[in-house]
Amino acid sequence: MNSTVLATIPVVLQVLFSALAGYTFAKLRFRAREPLFVVLLATMMIPTGVGMVSNYIIMSKLHWIDTYYPLIIPGIANAFGIFWMRQYCLSLSNELLDAARIDGAGEFGIFWRIVLPVIRPALASLAIFVFLDSWNSFLGPLVFLRSQEKFTVQLWLSVIARQGNVVQPVIVMAGSVLASVPIVILFATLQRHFVSGLAAESLK
């Protein structure tokens, strides 16, 4: 249940906010758009472990240690998701968006009723990436979580593996198989959109 919560909520939030930001960078005109996007891409070159100490200090001052907030809030809109959605939104027809504006639709209405249905393959692909990253995350939960009742599947498996009992490897292997079931189900459900999304991105 802990892993499900920590994997599902980031999927919903990251997909939504990354799609909003990607559409903004792709189709809206504003000052310093290109330099800001370059700075955003530059953050992708910074390893996650580099900022772990500073992130821990910030989360400690916010009293978020041993909560799920550090594992959800900072990654709501990450650089990869924004870049992924921007590249897909660049293929949207400007004439279609202009026609919606002429009909009186607002920017959020255009995004919600026109853009989202068109970019479903990209949304499905990003959802799978985010779910895999959140479900398999180990370093973040290890640093920020303290209570065992809040541990994720990966932390639980590491604790079991260190018990030293001869039966534990069997339990770890069984737990690993069970932990892979949600990933298989998600991919089987979104496989069609995932493949078409990857194909579209490769053409770009």
Protein backbone atom coordinates (compact mmCIF):
# COMPACT_ATOMS: atom_id res chain seq x y z
CA MET A 1 0.00 0.00 0.00
CA ASN A 2 2.82 2.43 0.81
CA SER A 3 4.49 1.80 -2.53
CA THR A 4 1.17 2.11 -4.32
CA VAL A 5 0.52 5.51 -2.76
CA LEU A 6 4.05 6.73 -3.49
CA ALA A 7 3.83 5.54 -7.08
CA THR A 8 0.27 6.57 -7.95
CA ILE A 9 0.23 10.13 -6.61
CA PRO A 10 3.48 11.15 -8.41
CA VAL A 11 2.14 9.65 -11.64
CA VAL A 12 -0.98 11.82 -11.52
CA LEU A 13 0.81 15.00 -10.42
CA GLN A 14 3.90 14.70 -12.63
CA VAL A 15 1.94 13.79 -15.76
CA LEU A 16 -0.47 16.70 -15.25
CA PHE A 17 2.10 19.38 -14.40
CA SER A 18 4.63 18.17 -16.96
CA ALA A 19 1.94 18.28 -19.63
CA LEU A 20 1.00 21.83 -18.60
CA ALA A 21 4.61 23.01 -18.62
CA GLY A 22 5.42 21.15 -21.84
CA TYR A 23 2.46 22.70 -23.62
CA THR A 24 3.46 26.13 -22.31
CA PHE A 25 7.04 25.84 -23.57
CA ALA A 26 5.89 24.44 -26.91
CA LYS A 27 2.96 26.66 -27.87
CA LEU A 28 2.84 29.79 -25.75
CA ARG A 29 5.04 32.82 -26.26
CA PHE A 30 6.53 34.60 -23.25
CA ARG A 31 9.71 36.46 -22.37
CA ALA A 32 12.86 34.39 -21.79
CA ARG A 33 11.12 31.19 -22.84
CA GLU A 34 14.14 29.68 -24.59
CA PRO A 35 16.76 30.58 -21.91
CA LEU A 36 14.46 29.24 -19.21
CA PHE A 37 14.04 25.98 -21.09
CA VAL A 38 17.82 25.67 -21.52
CA VAL A 39 18.28 26.14 -17.77
CA LEU A 40 15.62 23.50 -17.18
CA LEU A 41 17.44 21.04 -19.42
CA ALA A 42 20.73 21.81 -17.66
CA THR A 43 19.27 20.52 -14.39
CA MET A 44 19.00 17.07 -15.98
CA MET A 45 22.80 16.83 -15.94
CA ILE A 46 22.95 17.13 -12.14
CA PRO A 47 23.02 13.68 -10.46
CA THR A 48 20.29 13.04 -7.91
CA GLY A 49 22.76 12.22 -5.14
CA VAL A 50 24.46 15.61 -5.42
CA GLY A 51 21.48 17.46 -3.96
CA MET A 52 20.49 14.83 -1.42
CA VAL A 53 22.16 16.53 1.57
CA SER A 54 20.70 19.95 0.79
CA ASN A 55 17.30 18.37 0.15
CA TYR A 56 17.46 16.60 3.50
CA ILE A 57 18.26 19.88 5.27
CA ILE A 58 15.35 21.64 3.57
CA MET A 59 12.93 18.83 4.36
CA SER A 60 14.14 18.75 7.95
CA LYS A 61 13.44 22.46 8.36
CA LEU A 62 9.97 21.89 6.90
CA HIS A 63 9.45 19.02 9.39
CA TRP A 64 8.78 16.65 6.50
CA ILE A 65 11.18 13.90 7.61
CA ASP A 66 9.40 10.56 8.04
CA THR A 67 6.55 11.73 5.82
CA TYR A 68 5.75 11.10 2.18
CA TYR A 69 5.99 14.78 1.22
CA PRO A 70 9.74 14.73 0.32
CA LEU A 71 9.09 11.83 -2.02
CA ILE A 72 6.16 13.52 -3.81
CA ILE A 73 6.31 17.33 -3.73
CA PRO A 74 9.85 18.09 -5.09
CA GLY A 75 9.32 15.95 -8.18
CA ILE A 76 5.89 17.19 -9.20
CA ALA A 77 7.28 18.71 -12.41
CA ASN A 78 10.67 17.31 -13.30
CA ALA A 79 12.85 18.35 -16.22
CA PHE A 80 12.58 15.08 -18.11
CA GLY A 81 8.78 15.08 -17.99
CA ILE A 82 8.59 18.68 -19.19
CA PHE A 83 11.07 17.99 -21.99
CA TRP A 84 9.17 14.86 -23.02
CA MET A 85 5.81 16.64 -23.18
CA ARG A 86 7.24 19.71 -24.92
CA GLN A 87 8.67 17.60 -27.73
CA TYR A 88 5.32 15.94 -28.25
CA CYS A 89 3.33 19.17 -28.02
CA LEU A 90 5.47 20.72 -30.75
CA SER A 91 3.67 18.46 -33.23
CA LEU A 92 0.26 19.94 -32.37
CA SER A 93 -1.36 21.93 -35.13
CA ASN A 94 -1.24 25.69 -34.50
CA GLU A 95 -4.29 26.11 -36.75
CA LEU A 96 -6.32 23.83 -34.47
CA LEU A 97 -5.35 25.84 -31.39
CA ASP A 98 -6.02 29.17 -33.14
CA ALA A 99 -9.46 27.94 -34.22
CA ALA A 100 -10.28 27.09 -30.61
CA ARG A 101 -9.15 30.56 -29.50
CA ILE A 102 -11.33 32.18 -32.15
CA ASP A 103 -14.28 30.19 -30.83
CA GLY A 104 -13.66 31.76 -27.43
CA ALA A 105 -11.89 28.94 -25.62
CA GLY A 106 -9.42 29.91 -22.92
CA GLU A 107 -5.91 28.50 -22.74
CA PHE A 108 -6.74 26.06 -19.96
CA GLY A 109 -9.90 24.99 -21.80
CA ILE A 110 -7.83 24.37 -24.93
CA PHE A 111 -5.33 22.38 -22.93
CA TRP A 112 -7.98 20.28 -21.15
CA ARG A 113 -10.39 19.62 -24.01
CA ILE A 114 -8.13 19.60 -27.07
CA VAL A 115 -4.49 19.08 -26.12
CA LEU A 116 -4.84 16.31 -23.53
CA PRO A 117 -6.87 13.95 -25.77
CA VAL A 118 -4.36 14.40 -28.60
CA ILE A 119 -1.26 13.74 -26.49
CA ARG A 120 -2.55 10.60 -24.75
CA PRO A 121 0.28 8.41 -26.11
CA ALA A 122 2.87 10.75 -24.59
CA LEU A 123 0.92 10.86 -21.31
CA ALA A 124 0.81 7.06 -21.13
CA SER A 125 4.53 6.75 -21.86
CA LEU A 126 5.42 9.33 -19.22
CA ALA A 127 3.08 7.65 -16.72
CA ILE A 128 4.95 4.37 -17.13
CA PHE A 129 8.33 6.06 -16.70
CA VAL A 130 7.19 7.90 -13.56
CA PHE A 131 5.56 4.81 -12.07
CA LEU A 132 8.69 2.70 -12.64
CA ASP A 133 10.91 5.37 -11.11
CA SER A 134 8.66 5.84 -8.07
CA TRP A 135 7.94 2.14 -7.52
CA ASN A 136 11.60 1.13 -7.72
CA SER A 137 12.91 4.12 -5.77
CA PHE A 138 15.20 3.11 -2.92
CA LEU A 139 17.50 6.02 -2.05
CA GLY A 140 14.74 8.57 -1.42
CA PRO A 141 12.66 6.40 0.95
CA LEU A 142 15.86 5.24 2.67
CA VAL A 143 16.89 8.82 3.43
CA PHE A 144 13.55 10.37 4.36
CA LEU A 145 11.53 7.57 5.97
CA ARG A 146 12.10 6.38 9.54
CA SER A 147 9.02 4.41 10.61
CA GLN A 148 8.87 0.85 9.33
CA GLU A 149 5.12 1.06 8.86
CA LYS A 150 5.82 3.68 6.17
CA PHE A 151 8.47 1.64 4.34
CA THR A 152 8.04 0.88 0.66
CA VAL A 153 8.42 -2.53 -0.96
CA GLN A 154 12.07 -1.89 -1.81
CA LEU A 155 12.95 -0.88 1.77
CA TRP A 156 11.04 -3.83 3.16
CA LEU A 157 12.92 -6.24 0.91
CA SER A 158 16.25 -4.74 2.02
CA VAL A 159 15.29 -5.14 5.69
CA ILE A 160 14.21 -8.74 5.17
CA ALA A 161 17.39 -9.54 3.26
CA ARG A 162 19.52 -8.40 6.22
CA GLN A 163 17.78 -10.62 8.77
CA GLY A 164 20.25 -13.47 8.31
CA ASN A 165 17.66 -16.25 8.50
CA VAL A 166 18.07 -19.08 5.99
CA VAL A 167 14.40 -18.70 5.03
CA GLN A 168 14.79 -15.03 4.16
CA PRO A 169 16.11 -15.45 0.59
CA VAL A 170 12.95 -17.34 -0.29
CA ILE A 171 10.82 -14.53 1.14
CA VAL A 172 12.89 -11.90 -0.69
CA MET A 173 12.51 -13.72 -3.99
CA ALA A 174 8.76 -14.14 -3.47
CA GLY A 175 8.46 -10.46 -2.52
CA SER A 176 10.44 -9.42 -5.60
CA VAL A 177 8.10 -11.39 -7.85
CA LEU A 178 5.04 -9.84 -6.21
CA ALA A 179 6.61 -6.37 -6.46
CA SER A 180 6.90 -6.78 -10.23
CA VAL A 181 3.20 -7.58 -10.70
CA PRO A 182 1.93 -3.94 -10.67
CA ILE A 183 4.58 -2.99 -13.24
CA VAL A 184 3.51 -5.80 -15.56
CA ILE A 185 -0.16 -4.88 -15.17
CA LEU A 186 0.49 -1.20 -15.85
CA PHE A 187 2.56 -1.90 -18.94
CA ALA A 188 0.01 -4.39 -20.28
CA THR A 189 -2.74 -1.82 -19.79
CA LEU A 190 -0.88 1.09 -21.44
CA GLN A 191 1.22 -0.90 -23.91
CA ARG A 192 -0.55 0.39 -27.02
CA HIS A 193 -0.20 4.03 -25.99
CA PHE A 194 3.35 3.47 -24.76
CA VAL A 195 4.55 2.00 -28.07
CA SER A 196 2.83 4.68 -30.15
CA GLY A 197 4.26 7.39 -27.90
CA LEU A 198 7.78 6.07 -28.28
CA ALA A 199 7.32 5.76 -32.04
CA ALA A 200 6.14 9.35 -32.28
CA GLU A 201 9.07 10.61 -30.20
CA SER A 202 11.55 8.67 -32.34
CA LEU A 203 10.19 10.36 -35.47
CA LYS A 204 10.81 13.75 -33.86
